[in-house]
């Protein structure tokens, strides 16, 4: 069980980090839009970050399921 708790803490860290990167990327996109710049690449990266967040959240659920009695 200790391993699962450590993995859960790690997954929580990954989720928090991904949410922070997504927030920063959204801010960057807003700034680029306000400057009239092309945001295609920035939006593509945002999509990839969002996909990574989803994967981290699914992984967290798997860990939680393993912790269920």
Protein backbone atom coordinates (compact mmCIF):
# COMPACT_ATOMS: atom_id res chain seq x y z
CA UNK A 1 0.00 0.00 0.00
CA UNK A 2 2.90 2.38 0.65
CA UNK A 3 3.93 2.12 -2.99
CA UNK A 4 0.43 3.04 -4.14
CA UNK A 5 0.34 6.03 -1.79
CA UNK A 6 3.69 7.19 -3.14
CA UNK A 7 2.39 6.75 -6.69
CA UNK A 8 -0.75 8.69 -5.77
CA UNK A 9 1.34 11.57 -4.44
CA UNK A 10 3.43 11.51 -7.60
CA UNK A 11 0.30 11.49 -9.77
CA UNK A 12 -1.09 14.43 -7.81
CA UNK A 13 2.16 16.30 -8.46
CA UNK A 14 1.96 15.54 -12.16
CA UNK A 15 -1.63 16.76 -12.28
CA UNK A 16 -0.80 19.98 -10.44
CA UNK A 17 2.15 20.61 -12.75
CA UNK A 18 0.09 19.97 -15.85
CA UNK A 19 -2.65 22.32 -14.66
CA UNK A 20 -0.06 25.05 -14.04
CA UNK A 21 1.49 24.56 -17.51
CA UNK A 22 -1.98 24.67 -19.08
CA UNK A 23 -2.77 27.90 -17.24
CA UNK A 24 0.50 29.50 -18.39
CA UNK A 25 -0.10 28.34 -21.96
CA UNK A 26 -3.62 29.81 -21.92
CA UNK A 27 -2.19 33.12 -20.71
CA UNK A 28 0.42 33.05 -23.46
CA UNK A 29 -2.25 32.41 -26.08
CA UNK A 30 -4.28 35.35 -24.80
CA UNK A 31 -1.21 37.58 -24.98
CA UNK A 32 -0.37 36.41 -28.50
CA UNK A 33 -3.96 36.98 -29.64
CA UNK A 34 -3.91 40.51 -28.18
CA UNK A 35 -0.75 41.17 -30.19
CA UNK A 36 -2.35 39.82 -33.35
CA UNK A 37 0.08 36.92 -33.58
CA UNK A 38 -0.52 33.45 -34.97
CA UNK A 39 -1.46 31.04 -32.18
CA UNK A 40 -1.67 27.78 -34.12
CA UNK A 41 1.46 26.28 -32.57
CA UNK A 42 0.57 27.57 -29.10
CA UNK A 43 -2.90 26.04 -29.37
CA UNK A 44 -1.41 22.77 -30.58
CA UNK A 45 0.82 22.67 -27.51
CA UNK A 46 -2.17 23.49 -25.30
CA UNK A 47 -4.02 20.54 -26.80
CA UNK A 48 -1.08 18.25 -26.07
CA UNK A 49 -0.87 19.53 -22.49
CA UNK A 50 -4.59 18.93 -22.03
CA UNK A 51 -4.18 15.39 -23.33
CA UNK A 52 -1.33 14.79 -20.90
CA UNK A 53 -3.48 16.08 -18.03
CA UNK A 54 -6.23 13.65 -19.00
CA UNK A 55 -3.74 10.79 -19.00
CA UNK A 56 -2.43 11.81 -15.57
CA UNK A 57 -5.99 11.96 -14.22
CA UNK A 58 -6.81 8.50 -15.62
CA UNK A 59 -3.62 7.14 -14.07
CA UNK A 60 -4.62 8.68 -10.72
CA UNK A 61 -7.98 6.90 -10.91
CA UNK A 62 -6.23 3.59 -11.54
CA UNK A 63 -4.11 4.14 -8.44
CA UNK A 64 -7.18 5.02 -6.38
CA UNK A 65 -8.89 1.85 -7.58
CA UNK A 66 -5.92 -0.19 -6.37
CA UNK A 67 -6.23 1.44 -2.96
CA UNK A 68 -9.87 0.38 -2.62
CA UNK A 69 -10.33 -2.55 -0.20
